[in-house]
């Protein structure tokens, strides 16, 4: 038998391996988006206002005025 005449097909990853990679990439992308959204939410939270004496203002509404 002549080995040189036998053609081999290139190895291709299986469908399961491809799908597992796709699922992993999607999960990674979702985790990054979730982290980015959490960072944006922290940055947009209202910071307390501090007057010149270092006192925090604007937390309690004065109803007697």
PDB file of N, CA and C in Angstrom:
ATOM      1  N   UNK A   1       0.846  -1.184   0.000  1.00  0.00           N
ATOM      2  CA  UNK A   1       0.000   0.000   0.000  1.00  0.00           C
ATOM      3  C   UNK A   1       0.885   1.238   0.000  1.00  0.00           C
ATOM      4  N   UNK A   2       0.593   2.137  -0.897  1.00  0.00           N
ATOM      5  CA  UNK A   2       1.381   3.353  -1.044  1.00  0.00           C
ATOM      6  C   UNK A   2       0.792   4.432  -0.135  1.00  0.00           C
ATOM      7  N   UNK A   3       1.543   4.884   0.828  1.00  0.00           N
ATOM      8  CA  UNK A   3       1.070   5.860   1.800  1.00  0.00           C
ATOM      9  C   UNK A   3       1.001   7.258   1.211  1.00  0.00           C
ATOM     10  N   UNK A   4       1.796   7.564   0.247  1.00  0.00           N
ATOM     11  CA  UNK A   4       1.854   8.908  -0.314  1.00  0.00           C
ATOM     12  C   UNK A   4       0.574   9.282  -1.059  1.00  0.00           C
ATOM     13  N   UNK A   5      -0.222   8.310  -1.480  1.00  0.00           N
ATOM     14  CA  UNK A   5      -1.439   8.619  -2.219  1.00  0.00           C
ATOM     15  C   UNK A   5      -2.635   8.874  -1.300  1.00  0.00           C
ATOM     16  N   UNK A   6      -2.484   8.612  -0.043  1.00  0.00           N
ATOM     17  CA  UNK A   6      -3.580   8.816   0.904  1.00  0.00           C
ATOM     18  C   UNK A   6      -3.627  10.291   1.282  1.00  0.00           C
ATOM     19  N   UNK A   7      -4.783  10.894   1.134  1.00  0.00           N
ATOM     20  CA  UNK A   7      -4.944  12.296   1.500  1.00  0.00           C
ATOM     21  C   UNK A   7      -5.626  12.383   2.851  1.00  0.00           C
ATOM     22  N   UNK A   8      -5.108  13.222   3.680  1.00  0.00           N
ATOM     23  CA  UNK A   8      -5.728  13.414   4.991  1.00  0.00           C
ATOM     24  C   UNK A   8      -6.436  14.754   4.990  1.00  0.00           C
ATOM     25  N   UNK A   9      -7.543  14.786   5.668  1.00  0.00           N
ATOM     26  CA  UNK A   9      -8.287  16.029   5.781  1.00  0.00           C
ATOM     27  C   UNK A   9      -7.783  16.784   7.003  1.00  0.00           C
ATOM     28  N   UNK A  10      -7.741  18.108   6.906  1.00  0.00           N
ATOM     29  CA  UNK A  10      -7.282  18.878   8.063  1.00  0.00           C
ATOM     30  C   UNK A  10      -8.255  18.691   9.238  1.00  0.00           C
ATOM     31  N   UNK A  11      -7.689  18.676  10.414  1.00  0.00           N
ATOM     32  CA  UNK A  11      -8.506  18.492  11.613  1.00  0.00           C
ATOM     33  C   UNK A  11      -9.340  19.742  11.866  1.00  0.00           C
ATOM     34  N   UNK A  12     -10.620  19.541  12.142  1.00  0.00           N
ATOM     35  CA  UNK A  12     -11.510  20.647  12.444  1.00  0.00           C
ATOM     36  C   UNK A  12     -12.083  20.435  13.833  1.00  0.00           C
ATOM     37  N   UNK A  13     -12.228  21.524  14.577  1.00  0.00           N
ATOM     38  CA  UNK A  13     -12.807  21.366  15.904  1.00  0.00           C
ATOM     39  C   UNK A  13     -14.257  20.894  15.799  1.00  0.00           C
ATOM     40  N   UNK A  14     -14.660  20.142  16.775  1.00  0.00           N
ATOM     41  CA  UNK A  14     -16.017  19.609  16.752  1.00  0.00           C
ATOM     42  C   UNK A  14     -17.038  20.710  17.010  1.00  0.00           C
ATOM     43  N   UNK A  15     -18.281  20.438  16.681  1.00  0.00           N
ATOM     44  CA  UNK A  15     -19.347  21.414  16.879  1.00  0.00           C
ATOM     45  C   UNK A  15     -19.505  21.753  18.358  1.00  0.00           C
ATOM     46  N   UNK A  16     -19.349  20.770  19.218  1.00  0.00           N
ATOM     47  CA  UNK A  16     -19.490  21.017  20.652  1.00  0.00           C
ATOM     48  C   UNK A  16     -18.406  21.958  21.152  1.00  0.00           C
ATOM     49  N   UNK A  17     -17.205  21.796  20.657  1.00  0.00           N
ATOM     50  CA  UNK A  17     -16.113  22.667  21.077  1.00  0.00           C
ATOM     51  C   UNK A  17     -16.369  24.096  20.603  1.00  0.00           C
ATOM     52  N   UNK A  18     -16.870  24.249  19.377  1.00  0.00           N
ATOM     53  CA  UNK A  18     -17.181  25.577  18.863  1.00  0.00           C
ATOM     54  C   UNK A  18     -18.260  26.241  19.698  1.00  0.00           C
ATOM     55  N   UNK A  19     -19.302  25.484  20.009  1.00  0.00           N
ATOM     56  CA  UNK A  19     -20.407  26.039  20.794  1.00  0.00           C
ATOM     57  C   UNK A  19     -19.956  26.390  22.202  1.00  0.00           C
ATOM     58  N   UNK A  20     -19.111  25.565  22.781  1.00  0.00           N
ATOM     59  CA  UNK A  20     -18.610  25.848  24.121  1.00  0.00           C
ATOM     60  C   UNK A  20     -17.794  27.140  24.113  1.00  0.00           C
ATOM     61  N   UNK A  21     -16.993  27.339  23.072  1.00  0.00           N
ATOM     62  CA  UNK A  21     -16.214  28.571  22.958  1.00  0.00           C
ATOM     63  C   UNK A  21     -17.126  29.779  22.802  1.00  0.00           C
ATOM     64  N   UNK A  22     -18.168  29.634  21.974  1.00  0.00           N
ATOM     65  CA  UNK A  22     -19.109  30.738  21.778  1.00  0.00           C
ATOM     66  C   UNK A  22     -19.828  31.085  23.071  1.00  0.00           C
ATOM     67  N   UNK A  23     -20.268  30.082  23.790  1.00  0.00           N
ATOM     68  CA  UNK A  23     -20.965  30.312  25.059  1.00  0.00           C
ATOM     69  C   UNK A  23     -20.032  30.985  26.048  1.00  0.00           C
ATOM     70  N   UNK A  24     -18.786  30.544  26.086  1.00  0.00           N
ATOM     71  CA  UNK A  24     -17.810  31.139  27.001  1.00  0.00           C
ATOM     72  C   UNK A  24     -17.576  32.607  26.661  1.00  0.00           C
ATOM     73  N   UNK A  25     -17.478  32.906  25.374  1.00  0.00           N
ATOM     74  CA  UNK A  25     -17.261  34.291  24.950  1.00  0.00           C
ATOM     75  C   UNK A  25     -18.460  35.162  25.299  1.00  0.00           C
ATOM     76  N   UNK A  26     -19.664  34.640  25.121  1.00  0.00           N
ATOM     77  CA  UNK A  26     -20.872  35.402  25.442  1.00  0.00           C
ATOM     78  C   UNK A  26     -20.938  35.672  26.937  1.00  0.00           C
ATOM     79  N   UNK A  27     -20.635  34.670  27.741  1.00  0.00           N
ATOM     80  CA  UNK A  27     -20.662  34.850  29.193  1.00  0.00           C
ATOM     81  C   UNK A  27     -19.614  35.865  29.623  1.00  0.00           C
ATOM     82  N   UNK A  28     -18.448  35.824  29.021  1.00  0.00           N
ATOM     83  CA  UNK A  28     -17.382  36.765  29.363  1.00  0.00           C
ATOM     84  C   UNK A  28     -17.802  38.188  29.005  1.00  0.00           C
ATOM     85  N   UNK A  29     -18.421  38.347  27.816  1.00  0.00           N
ATOM     86  CA  UNK A  29     -18.875  39.658  27.370  1.00  0.00           C
ATOM     87  C   UNK A  29     -19.964  40.202  28.306  1.00  0.00           C
ATOM     88  N   UNK A  30     -20.902  39.340  28.724  1.00  0.00           N
ATOM     89  CA  UNK A  30     -21.962  39.767  29.636  1.00  0.00           C
ATOM     90  C   UNK A  30     -21.384  40.184  30.990  1.00  0.00           C
ATOM     91  N   UNK A  31     -20.383  39.459  31.469  1.00  0.00           N
ATOM     92  CA  UNK A  31     -19.765  39.806  32.747  1.00  0.00           C
ATOM     93  C   UNK A  31     -19.064  41.159  32.652  1.00  0.00           C
ATOM     94  N   UNK A  32     -18.405  41.425  31.530  1.00  0.00           N
ATOM     95  CA  UNK A  32     -17.741  42.715  31.352  1.00  0.00           C
ATOM     96  C   UNK A  32     -18.762  43.847  31.299  1.00  0.00           C
ATOM     97  N   UNK A  33     -19.882  43.619  30.604  1.00  0.00           N
ATOM     98  CA  UNK A  33     -20.916  44.645  30.526  1.00  0.00           C
ATOM     99  C   UNK A  33     -21.512  44.913  31.899  1.00  0.00           C
ATOM    100  N   UNK A  34     -21.691  43.860  32.677  1.00  0.00           N
ATOM    101  CA  UNK A  34     -22.244  44.009  34.025  1.00  0.00           C
ATOM    102  C   UNK A  34     -21.286  44.814  34.906  1.00  0.00           C
ATOM    103  N   UNK A  35     -19.991  44.525  34.804  1.00  0.00           N
ATOM    104  CA  UNK A  35     -18.992  45.275  35.567  1.00  0.00           C
ATOM    105  C   UNK A  35     -18.978  46.745  35.151  1.00  0.00           C
ATOM    106  N   UNK A  36     -19.049  46.990  33.853  1.00  0.00           N
ATOM    107  CA  UNK A  36     -19.052  48.367  33.358  1.00  0.00           C
ATOM    108  C   UNK A  36     -20.289  49.108  33.843  1.00  0.00           C
ATOM    109  N   UNK A  37     -21.444  48.450  33.830  1.00  0.00           N
ATOM    110  CA  UNK A  37     -22.669  49.082  34.304  1.00  0.00           C
ATOM    111  C   UNK A  37     -22.583  49.399  35.796  1.00  0.00           C
ATOM    112  N   UNK A  38     -21.972  48.511  36.570  1.00  0.00           N
ATOM    113  CA  UNK A  38     -21.819  48.744  38.004  1.00  0.00           C
ATOM    114  C   UNK A  38     -20.894  49.940  38.254  1.00  0.00           C
ATOM    115  N   UNK A  39     -19.821  50.050  37.481  1.00  0.00           N
ATOM    116  CA  UNK A  39     -18.897  51.175  37.635  1.00  0.00           C
ATOM    117  C   UNK A  39     -19.578  52.487  37.283  1.00  0.00           C
ATOM    118  N   UNK A  40     -20.366  52.478  36.210  1.00  0.00           N
ATOM    119  CA  UNK A  40     -21.076  53.685  35.805  1.00  0.00           C
ATOM    120  C   UNK A  40     -22.088  54.089  36.869  1.00  0.00           C
ATOM    121  N   UNK A  41     -22.776  53.122  37.452  1.00  0.00           N
ATOM    122  CA  UNK A  41     -23.769  53.414  38.488  1.00  0.00           C
ATOM    123  C   UNK A  41     -23.097  54.027  39.716  1.00  0.00           C
ATOM    124  N   UNK A  42     -21.919  53.537  40.075  1.00  0.00           N
ATOM    125  CA  UNK A  42     -21.209  54.096  41.219  1.00  0.00           C
ATOM    126  C   UNK A  42     -20.755  55.530  40.935  1.00  0.00           C
ATOM    127  N   UNK A  43     -20.348  55.787  39.729  1.00  0.00           N
ATOM    128  CA  UNK A  43     -19.858  57.116  39.377  1.00  0.00           C
ATOM    129  C   UNK A  43     -20.989  58.128  39.322  1.00  0.00           C
ATOM    130  N   UNK A  44     -22.183  57.694  38.974  1.00  0.00           N
ATOM    131  CA  UNK A  44     -23.289  58.626  38.813  1.00  0.00           C
ATOM    132  C   UNK A  44     -24.073  58.854  40.101  1.00  0.00           C
ATOM    133  N   UNK A  45     -23.735  58.142  41.169  1.00  0.00           N
ATOM    134  CA  UNK A  45     -24.436  58.360  42.426  1.00  0.00           C
ATOM    135  C   UNK A  45     -24.147  59.777  42.912  1.00  0.00           C
ATOM    136  N   UNK A  46     -25.183  60.406  43.508  1.00  0.00           N
ATOM    137  CA  UNK A  46     -25.039  61.778  43.982  1.00  0.00           C
ATOM    138  C   UNK A  46     -24.060  61.818  45.154  1.00  0.00           C
ATOM    139  N   UNK A  47     -23.098  62.698  45.050  1.00  0.00           N
ATOM    140  CA  UNK A  47     -22.128  62.868  46.124  1.00  0.00           C
ATOM    141  C   UNK A  47     -22.685  63.889  47.103  1.00  0.00           C
ATOM    142  N   UNK A  48     -22.441  63.701  48.387  1.00  0.00           N
ATOM    143  CA  UNK A  48     -22.955  64.669  49.353  1.00  0.00           C
ATOM    144  C   UNK A  48     -22.281  66.031  49.182  1.00  0.00           C
ATOM    145  N   UNK A  49     -23.054  67.063  49.402  1.00  0.00           N
ATOM    146  CA  UNK A  49     -22.539  68.427  49.289  1.00  0.00           C
ATOM    147  C   UNK A  49     -21.941  68.825  50.630  1.00  0.00           C
ATOM    148  N   UNK A  50     -20.729  69.356  50.594  1.00  0.00           N
ATOM    149  CA  UNK A  50     -20.038  69.765  51.816  1.00  0.00           C
ATOM    150  C   UNK A  50     -19.836  71.271  51.753  1.00  0.00           C
ATOM    151  N   UNK A  51     -20.238  71.970  52.825  1.00  0.00           N
ATOM    152  CA  UNK A  51     -20.052  73.422  52.838  1.00  0.00           C
ATOM    153  C   UNK A  51     -18.623  73.776  53.248  1.00  0.00           C
ATOM    154  N   UNK A  52     -18.326  75.060  53.381  1.00  0.00           N
ATOM    155  CA  UNK A  52     -16.957  75.496  53.661  1.00  0.00           C
ATOM    156  C   UNK A  52     -16.471  75.094  55.043  1.00  0.00           C
ATOM    157  N   UNK A  53     -17.391  74.774  55.944  1.00  0.00           N
ATOM    158  CA  UNK A  53     -17.007  74.347  57.289  1.00  0.00           C
ATOM    159  C   UNK A  53     -16.837  72.834  57.389  1.00  0.00           C
ATOM    160  N   UNK A  54     -17.022  72.127  56.274  1.00  0.00           N
ATOM    161  CA  UNK A  54     -16.831  70.682  56.265  1.00  0.00           C
ATOM    162  C   UNK A  54     -18.079  69.908  56.662  1.00  0.00           C
ATOM    163  N   UNK A  55     -19.207  70.602  56.785  1.00  0.00           N
ATOM    164  CA  UNK A  55     -20.437  69.929  57.173  1.00  0.00           C
ATOM    165  C   UNK A  55     -21.169  69.426  55.930  1.00  0.00           C
ATOM    166  N   UNK A  56     -21.720  68.230  56.047  1.00  0.00           N
ATOM    167  CA  UNK A  56     -22.494  67.683  54.939  1.00  0.00           C
ATOM    168  C   UNK A  56     -23.867  68.322  54.943  1.00  0.00           C
ATOM    169  N   UNK A  57     -24.289  68.805  53.785  1.00  0.00           N
ATOM    170  CA  UNK A  57     -25.587  69.473  53.693  1.00  0.00           C
ATOM    171  C   UNK A  57     -26.465  68.773  52.671  1.00  0.00           C
ATOM    172  N   UNK A  58     -27.774  69.022  52.770  1.00  0.00           N
ATOM    173  CA  UNK A  58     -28.695  68.517  51.777  1.00  0.00           C
ATOM    174  C   UNK A  58     -29.226  67.134  52.043  1.00  0.00           C
ATOM    175  N   UNK A  59     -29.003  66.548  53.230  1.00  0.00           N
ATOM    176  CA  UNK A  59     -29.516  65.217  53.518  1.00  0.00           C
ATOM    177  C   UNK A  59     -30.908  65.270  54.120  1.00  0.00           C
ATOM    178  N   UNK A  60     -31.157  66.207  54.990  1.00  0.00           N
ATOM    179  CA  UNK A  60     -32.426  66.280  55.702  1.00  0.00           C
ATOM    180  C   UNK A  60     -33.185  67.502  55.228  1.00  0.00           C
ATOM    181  N   UNK A  61     -34.457  67.324  54.930  1.00  0.00           N
ATOM    182  CA  UNK A  61     -35.275  68.415  54.487  1.00  0.00           C
ATOM    183  C   UNK A  61     -35.800  69.182  55.686  1.00  0.00           C
ATOM    184  N   UNK A  62     -35.615  70.474  55.709  1.00  0.00           N
ATOM    185  CA  UNK A  62     -36.058  71.309  56.824  1.00  0.00           C
ATOM    186  C   UNK A  62     -37.520  71.655  56.612  1.00  0.00           C
ATOM    187  N   UNK A  63     -38.401  71.088  57.433  1.00  0.00           N
ATOM    188  CA  UNK A  63     -39.837  71.315  57.259  1.00  0.00           C
ATOM    189  C   UNK A  63     -40.341  72.487  58.097  1.00  0.00           C
ATOM    190  N   UNK A  64     -39.519  73.018  58.997  1.00  0.00           N
ATOM    191  CA  UNK A  64     -39.987  74.106  59.848  1.00  0.00           C
ATOM    192  C   UNK A  64     -39.736  75.471  59.226  1.00  0.00           C
ATOM    193  N   UNK A  65     -38.987  75.561  58.200  1.00  0.00           N
ATOM    194  CA  UNK A  65     -38.675  76.851  57.593  1.00  0.00           C
ATOM    195  C   UNK A  65     -39.827  77.352  56.751  1.00  0.00           C
TER     196      UNK A  65
END
